[in-house]
Amino acid sequence: MSGEPIGPVWMFCPADRAERFAKAAACADTVILDLEDGVGADAKVAAREAIRGCELDPARTIIRINPLGSAHFALDIGVIERTPYRRLMLPKAETGDIPSVLGGYDIVALVETPAGVRQLDDIARSPTVIAVMWGAEDLVAALGGSSSRHANGTYRDVAKHLRSATLLAAKAHGKLAVDGVYLDIPDLDGLAAESVDAVASGFDIKVALHPTQVAVIADAYRPEAGELDWARRVLAAAQHSRGVFAVDGAMVDAPILTHARRIAARADGAYTDRR
């Protein structure tokens, strides 16, 4: 892997809006420059030119290219291969058999089609894939549906299935699990609840669509003081203990120790710790 992704908050930025690149990088931990859905067909050429001239840190930048088989895929790669950027988000990923043209890149596989859902384990197993993300809207559209959520904002079962399956497949193969976007940008309370659930469920990263969402997601990943104090005391006690031991009168075994390690890792900025 060409350097670990930094921090738990990634944010999309349209690749044809070069004036936003630096602002996005100052806001989020990692920026996803979007050549696909965030850019209209008439702006694809300008977007690729902006990528060519981009000066963002490659360690904190991912480029979402257009899907395999699209008219824009080869054009995207033709430009990116002449830049320092080596992390790509592959939309509509449907197989773990990554083509050789992408062999020199770290791939964030975005699973958002029925075929992709059926091949999640194969996708996550691919050695080229470093992370797996899910997308509900494209999936529901491909199914012929009209919305991924109920009127009260909760996900429909098919979206919940994809979210859970993505998390399980990613973790089964030691890859980063990336939670999807929250489309209702003004609803920061809803985003906060979903972000807290992402942390509690085990997602390493959540993706923002707008700068106002970044702080909300970051707050969810930042351990509370009491939680961090507990984790550090558990880890300190583990250095002098063998097997099962107790902290504050409560048993600590391997799963609890893992939980403590992840809390401490989030506090230290080591968000990609997957132990």
Protein backbone atom coordinates (compact mmCIF):
# COMPACT_ATOMS: atom_id res chain seq x y z
CA MET A 1 0.00 0.00 0.00
CA SER A 2 1.42 3.37 -0.99
CA GLY A 3 0.95 5.01 2.42
CA GLU A 4 -2.01 4.62 4.73
CA PRO A 5 -5.08 6.82 4.23
CA ILE A 6 -5.09 9.52 6.90
CA GLY A 7 -7.91 10.05 9.38
CA PRO A 8 -11.49 8.86 9.48
CA VAL A 9 -13.10 11.65 7.42
CA TRP A 10 -12.92 11.55 3.64
CA MET A 11 -14.74 14.11 1.48
CA PHE A 12 -15.76 14.21 -2.16
CA CYS A 13 -14.76 17.20 -4.25
CA PRO A 14 -15.71 17.57 -7.95
CA ALA A 15 -12.54 17.29 -9.98
CA ASP A 16 -13.55 20.16 -12.28
CA ARG A 17 -13.57 22.60 -9.35
CA ALA A 18 -9.85 23.16 -8.86
CA GLU A 19 -10.53 26.25 -6.76
CA ARG A 20 -12.03 23.96 -4.11
CA PHE A 21 -9.16 21.47 -3.87
CA ALA A 22 -7.08 23.25 -1.24
CA LYS A 23 -10.15 24.10 0.84
CA ALA A 24 -11.25 20.47 0.78
CA ALA A 25 -7.78 19.28 1.82
CA ALA A 26 -7.74 21.77 4.70
CA CYS A 27 -11.12 20.52 5.85
CA ALA A 28 -11.05 16.73 5.54
CA ASP A 29 -8.42 14.11 6.32
CA THR A 30 -8.49 12.72 2.80
CA VAL A 31 -9.98 14.27 -0.35
CA ILE A 32 -11.68 12.22 -3.07
CA LEU A 33 -11.36 14.13 -6.33
CA ASP A 34 -14.36 12.98 -8.32
CA LEU A 35 -14.13 12.41 -12.07
CA GLU A 36 -17.36 10.40 -12.14
CA ASP A 37 -20.79 11.43 -10.84
CA GLY A 38 -19.64 14.80 -9.54
CA VAL A 39 -18.66 15.96 -13.04
CA GLY A 40 -20.98 16.39 -16.02
CA ALA A 41 -20.11 14.88 -19.40
CA ASP A 42 -19.27 18.32 -20.78
CA ALA A 43 -16.76 18.95 -17.98
CA LYS A 44 -14.82 15.67 -18.02
CA VAL A 45 -11.96 17.07 -20.08
CA ALA A 46 -11.58 20.09 -17.79
CA ALA A 47 -11.70 17.81 -14.75
CA ARG A 48 -8.87 15.65 -16.07
CA GLU A 49 -6.82 18.77 -16.78
CA ALA A 50 -7.40 19.90 -13.20
CA ILE A 51 -6.13 16.52 -11.96
CA ARG A 52 -3.04 16.93 -14.14
CA GLY A 53 -2.26 20.26 -12.48
CA CYS A 54 -3.33 19.27 -8.96
CA GLU A 55 -0.79 19.82 -6.17
CA LEU A 56 -2.57 18.07 -3.29
CA ASP A 57 -0.59 15.62 -1.14
CA PRO A 58 -0.81 12.19 -2.80
CA ALA A 59 -0.89 10.56 0.65
CA ARG A 60 -4.15 12.35 1.39
CA THR A 61 -5.78 12.20 -2.04
CA ILE A 62 -7.93 9.62 -3.80
CA ILE A 63 -9.25 10.02 -7.33
CA ARG A 64 -12.63 8.53 -8.21
CA ILE A 65 -12.34 7.49 -11.82
CA ASN A 66 -15.13 6.52 -14.17
CA PRO A 67 -16.25 2.87 -14.22
CA LEU A 68 -14.61 0.08 -16.13
CA GLY A 69 -16.18 -0.15 -19.55
CA SER A 70 -17.14 3.51 -19.70
CA ALA A 71 -15.95 5.80 -22.48
CA HIS A 72 -14.04 7.87 -19.93
CA PHE A 73 -12.13 5.12 -18.09
CA ALA A 74 -9.07 4.91 -20.37
CA LEU A 75 -8.93 8.71 -20.67
CA ASP A 76 -8.91 9.03 -16.88
CA ILE A 77 -6.06 6.52 -16.50
CA GLY A 78 -4.11 8.13 -19.32
CA VAL A 79 -3.97 11.36 -17.34
CA ILE A 80 -3.57 9.90 -13.84
CA GLU A 81 -0.62 7.70 -14.80
CA ARG A 82 1.36 10.90 -15.46
CA THR A 83 0.63 12.28 -11.98
CA PRO A 84 1.88 11.19 -8.52
CA TYR A 85 -1.58 9.95 -7.50
CA ARG A 86 -1.75 6.23 -6.90
CA ARG A 87 -4.98 5.77 -4.96
CA LEU A 88 -8.11 5.35 -7.04
CA MET A 89 -11.75 4.84 -6.16
CA LEU A 90 -13.29 2.42 -8.64
CA PRO A 91 -17.06 2.96 -8.85
CA LYS A 92 -19.49 0.16 -9.64
CA ALA A 93 -16.91 -2.47 -8.74
CA GLU A 94 -18.23 -5.91 -9.63
CA THR A 95 -15.25 -8.27 -9.52
CA GLY A 96 -12.03 -8.84 -7.67
CA ASP A 97 -10.27 -9.44 -10.98
CA ILE A 98 -8.77 -5.97 -11.28
CA PRO A 99 -7.44 -5.26 -14.81
CA SER A 100 -3.68 -5.02 -15.24
CA VAL A 101 -3.90 -1.32 -16.14
CA LEU A 102 -4.83 -0.70 -12.49
CA GLY A 103 -2.16 -3.00 -11.11
CA GLY A 104 0.06 -0.18 -9.95
CA TYR A 105 -2.66 1.54 -7.93
CA ASP A 106 -4.28 1.10 -4.54
CA ILE A 107 -7.99 0.61 -5.18
CA VAL A 108 -10.91 1.73 -3.06
CA ALA A 109 -13.70 -0.46 -4.42
CA LEU A 110 -17.09 1.25 -4.43
CA VAL A 111 -19.78 -1.42 -4.46
CA GLU A 112 -23.11 -0.09 -5.69
CA THR A 113 -24.64 -2.55 -8.17
CA PRO A 114 -26.49 -5.87 -7.73
CA ALA A 115 -23.60 -7.74 -9.37
CA GLY A 116 -21.15 -6.03 -7.05
CA VAL A 117 -23.15 -7.01 -3.98
CA ARG A 118 -23.06 -10.63 -5.09
CA GLN A 119 -19.25 -10.46 -5.51
CA LEU A 120 -18.37 -8.51 -2.36
CA ASP A 121 -16.17 -11.21 -0.88
CA ASP A 122 -14.25 -11.61 -4.13
CA ILE A 123 -13.78 -7.84 -4.39
CA ALA A 124 -12.55 -7.48 -0.81
CA ARG A 125 -10.16 -10.41 -1.25
CA SER A 126 -8.34 -8.76 -4.17
CA PRO A 127 -4.76 -7.81 -3.22
CA THR A 128 -5.10 -4.56 -5.18
CA VAL A 129 -8.07 -3.43 -3.08
CA ILE A 130 -7.17 -1.53 0.10
CA ALA A 131 -10.69 -0.47 1.10
CA VAL A 132 -14.32 -1.21 0.33
CA MET A 133 -17.10 1.38 0.30
CA TRP A 134 -20.80 0.97 -0.37
CA GLY A 135 -23.26 3.15 -2.27
CA ALA A 136 -27.00 2.84 -1.75
CA GLU A 137 -28.40 5.21 -4.36
CA ASP A 138 -26.87 3.56 -7.43
CA LEU A 139 -27.87 0.16 -6.07
CA VAL A 140 -31.50 1.13 -5.57
CA ALA A 141 -31.60 2.78 -9.01
CA ALA A 142 -30.18 -0.38 -10.59
CA LEU A 143 -32.85 -2.42 -8.83
CA GLY A 144 -35.57 -0.19 -10.26
CA GLY A 145 -36.38 1.34 -6.89
CA SER A 146 -36.97 4.97 -6.04
CA SER A 147 -35.29 5.58 -2.67
CA SER A 148 -32.77 3.94 -0.37
CA ARG A 149 -34.50 5.33 2.73
CA HIS A 150 -37.92 5.32 4.33
CA ALA A 151 -39.76 8.59 4.95
CA ASN A 152 -38.38 8.67 8.51
CA GLY A 153 -34.80 8.62 7.20
CA THR A 154 -33.94 5.02 8.05
CA TYR A 155 -32.47 2.79 5.38
CA ARG A 156 -34.56 0.24 3.54
CA ASP A 157 -33.56 -3.37 4.09
CA VAL A 158 -31.65 -3.71 0.81
CA ALA A 159 -29.41 -0.74 1.71
CA LYS A 160 -28.85 -2.09 5.22
CA HIS A 161 -27.90 -5.43 3.70
CA LEU A 162 -25.28 -3.81 1.47
CA ARG A 163 -23.90 -1.74 4.35
CA SER A 164 -23.51 -4.77 6.62
CA ALA A 165 -22.15 -6.99 3.86
CA THR A 166 -19.53 -4.39 2.94
CA LEU A 167 -18.36 -4.11 6.54
CA LEU A 168 -18.15 -7.89 6.95
CA ALA A 169 -16.33 -8.48 3.65
CA ALA A 170 -13.81 -5.71 4.27
CA LYS A 171 -12.97 -6.87 7.78
CA ALA A 172 -12.85 -10.53 6.77
CA HIS A 173 -9.98 -9.69 4.43
CA GLY A 174 -8.22 -7.06 6.53
CA LYS A 175 -9.29 -4.11 4.39
CA LEU A 176 -10.58 -0.68 5.41
CA ALA A 177 -14.37 -0.46 5.68
CA VAL A 178 -15.73 2.85 4.39
CA ASP A 179 -19.24 3.98 5.33
CA GLY A 180 -21.33 5.69 2.67
CA VAL A 181 -22.43 9.30 2.34
CA TYR A 182 -25.35 11.02 4.07
CA LEU A 183 -27.25 12.83 1.35
CA ASP A 184 -29.38 15.16 3.48
CA ILE A 185 -26.68 17.78 4.02
CA PRO A 186 -28.67 20.12 6.33
CA ASP A 187 -29.64 17.21 8.62
CA LEU A 188 -26.57 17.23 10.84
CA ASP A 189 -28.38 15.41 13.65
CA GLY A 190 -29.14 12.52 11.33
CA LEU A 191 -25.56 12.50 10.13
CA ALA A 192 -24.30 12.49 13.72
CA ALA A 193 -26.45 9.48 14.61
CA GLU A 194 -25.33 7.59 11.51
CA SER A 195 -21.67 8.46 12.17
CA VAL A 196 -21.86 7.27 15.78
CA ASP A 197 -23.35 4.02 14.50
CA ALA A 198 -20.57 3.71 11.92
CA VAL A 199 -17.95 3.98 14.66
CA ALA A 200 -19.76 1.54 16.94
CA SER A 201 -20.21 -0.95 14.09
CA GLY A 202 -16.54 -0.89 13.09
CA PHE A 203 -16.33 1.30 9.98
CA ASP A 204 -12.86 2.85 9.76
CA ILE A 205 -13.95 5.82 7.67
CA LYS A 206 -17.06 7.79 6.76
CA VAL A 207 -17.34 9.98 3.67
CA ALA A 208 -18.64 13.54 3.65
CA LEU A 209 -20.25 15.41 0.78
CA HIS A 210 -19.92 18.91 2.18
CA PRO A 211 -17.55 20.76 4.55
CA THR A 212 -20.34 21.22 7.12
CA GLN A 213 -20.45 17.43 7.54
CA VAL A 214 -16.75 17.00 8.32
CA ALA A 215 -16.76 18.19 11.94
CA VAL A 216 -19.81 16.06 12.73
CA ILE A 217 -18.13 12.91 11.46
CA ALA A 218 -14.84 13.78 13.16
CA ASP A 219 -16.64 14.25 16.49
CA ALA A 220 -18.15 10.78 16.20
CA TYR A 221 -14.72 9.21 15.70
CA ARG A 222 -13.09 11.18 18.51
CA PRO A 223 -13.33 9.17 21.78
CA GLU A 224 -14.89 10.86 24.77
CA ALA A 225 -12.52 11.60 27.66
CA GLY A 226 -13.92 8.89 29.91
CA GLU A 227 -13.86 6.33 27.12
CA LEU A 228 -10.23 7.14 26.32
CA ASP A 229 -9.20 7.04 29.97
CA TRP A 230 -10.75 3.57 30.31
CA ALA A 231 -8.99 2.34 27.17
CA ARG A 232 -5.60 3.57 28.31
CA ARG A 233 -6.01 1.99 31.73
CA VAL A 234 -6.95 -1.31 30.11
CA LEU A 235 -3.91 -1.18 27.85
CA ALA A 236 -1.65 -0.29 30.77
CA ALA A 237 -2.99 -3.19 32.82
CA ALA A 238 -2.53 -5.54 29.86
CA GLN A 239 1.21 -4.93 29.90
CA HIS A 240 1.45 -6.59 33.31
CA SER A 241 -1.23 -9.26 32.92
CA ARG A 242 -1.54 -12.65 31.29
CA GLY A 243 -4.79 -14.02 29.90
CA VAL A 244 -8.01 -12.63 31.35
CA PHE A 245 -7.70 -9.82 33.90
CA ALA A 246 -9.92 -7.20 35.51
CA VAL A 247 -10.14 -3.40 35.30
CA ASP A 248 -12.61 -1.53 37.50
CA GLY A 249 -13.99 -4.89 38.59
CA ALA A 250 -14.91 -5.87 35.02
CA MET A 251 -13.36 -8.76 33.11
CA VAL A 252 -11.06 -7.92 30.22
CA ASP A 253 -10.53 -10.63 27.61
CA ALA A 254 -9.28 -10.52 24.02
CA PRO A 255 -12.33 -8.78 22.45
CA ILE A 256 -12.37 -6.10 25.16
CA LEU A 257 -8.64 -5.56 24.71
CA THR A 258 -9.16 -5.14 20.97
CA HIS A 259 -11.88 -2.58 21.67
CA ALA A 260 -9.53 -0.64 23.94
CA ARG A 261 -6.81 -0.66 21.29
CA ARG A 262 -9.16 0.76 18.68
CA ILE A 263 -10.31 3.55 21.00
CA ALA A 264 -6.70 4.53 21.71
CA ALA A 265 -5.87 4.32 18.01
CA ARG A 266 -8.71 6.69 17.11
CA ALA A 267 -7.47 9.18 19.72
CA ASP A 268 -3.91 8.99 18.38
CA GLY A 269 -4.98 9.42 14.77
CA ALA A 270 -4.12 5.84 13.83
CA TYR A 271 -7.54 5.34 12.28
CA THR A 272 -6.42 2.56 10.00
CA ASP A 273 -5.48 0.23 12.86
CA ARG A 274 -7.51 -2.88 12.05
CA ARG A 275 -6.38 -5.16 14.88
